[in-house]
């Protein structure tokens, strides 16, 4: 049976509670946010900070947040619990809500699968009567939660339209993911034992099935170039990814391709240097044309990757200027939730310090650090930006392909 708005909320069935007291059942009269997340999910860290803010803001309104880690490695639960604890201590030291760990996937079967929830982070809002009020991305909670708490959300046309659109959109994606799941399972099983030939066979089958899937395309490039180091086969695949990214004029695709060429987590010493920098130059110029320094678009999402290209190519001044533009964009009070800014700031400052050869102490960095030094920041009001035509969705960083996702 489909899980949607007005459905009775499923039970909470988890193995371990990592933070807070166990929750046996939803108490009538309280509103709950059930949040699915994982340590390998980049946006989940920003979402966790946002949930800390929401829990603090609405603690007097009978709101309780419950985080559920249901997508971690289940082969070694004790090690995974330790990993989860370390992640929480590092990413969310001021955690003020419950965290549960489900290594066997029961919560996914009860909540995510019947609701066509195809990614994480995903938030479920359970209303005071135990029925589902909202299913979606946590970035939408700033707008939705006040209406749920005052009782106006579920009866609104806005809520009904949003849930209908979500089901239509995610249903198609869920069907595609069901087709891809056997391939992904075979791919990651092979990656774990470093069986590159089987992994390559799986990913090539995936690309034949879904040619425009960016995760398959990135996995293909990464496997050939960074794991197998097969330059004869890998470089044509890399060139095609660059061409397709530029032809699509897609910032997401171009950033993904640039990450394979200049990402700091990879060793690029075996790449043909001239071609690597030529592709990096082409991608960087197209990204800057899409989002020019003099434009109003947010720079903190794409400029760090472009800065890395310029730094590696020897243009340190350009790299520093781009990172400063990214920080100035982050300083805008109107573009993104404070939790996301707080999540991105340390990496930007660290990169700037590295490029400058010392500490990145500037008036801007001092101001940004001071702004986000408090334990709890007030949540941004998304409504005024939506009214101005600002699409906040494009500012949430995509999760790049990384071998840490499921191979460990």
Foldseek 3Di string as FASTA:
>chain_A
DAAFFQAFADFDDFDDKLDDDDDGGDAAQAKEKEWEDELLAQLVLLLQQVVQQVCVVCVVLRYAYEYEHAQAALPDVVVVSVVVVVSCCPSPVLGDHIYGYHSPRPCCVRPVLSHLNDDPGWIWMQANHRGTQDIGYSQCCLPQVVCRSVVNRNPDPVSVVVRVVCCVVSVVVSVVVVVLVVLVVQLLVCLLVVVLVSNLVSLVVVCVVPVPDLLSLLVNLCSCCFRVVPCVPNVVSLVVLLVVCVVVLDLQSLLLSLCSLQPPVGDNPSPPVVVSLVSLVVSLVSNCVVPPLPDLDAQLQRLQSNLSSCVVVPNLVVSLVSLVSNLVSLVDPPQAWPSVSLSSLVVSQVVNQVSVVHGPDDPSNVVNCVQPVDSHDHTDNCVVCVVVVHDNVVVSHDNHDDSVSHSD
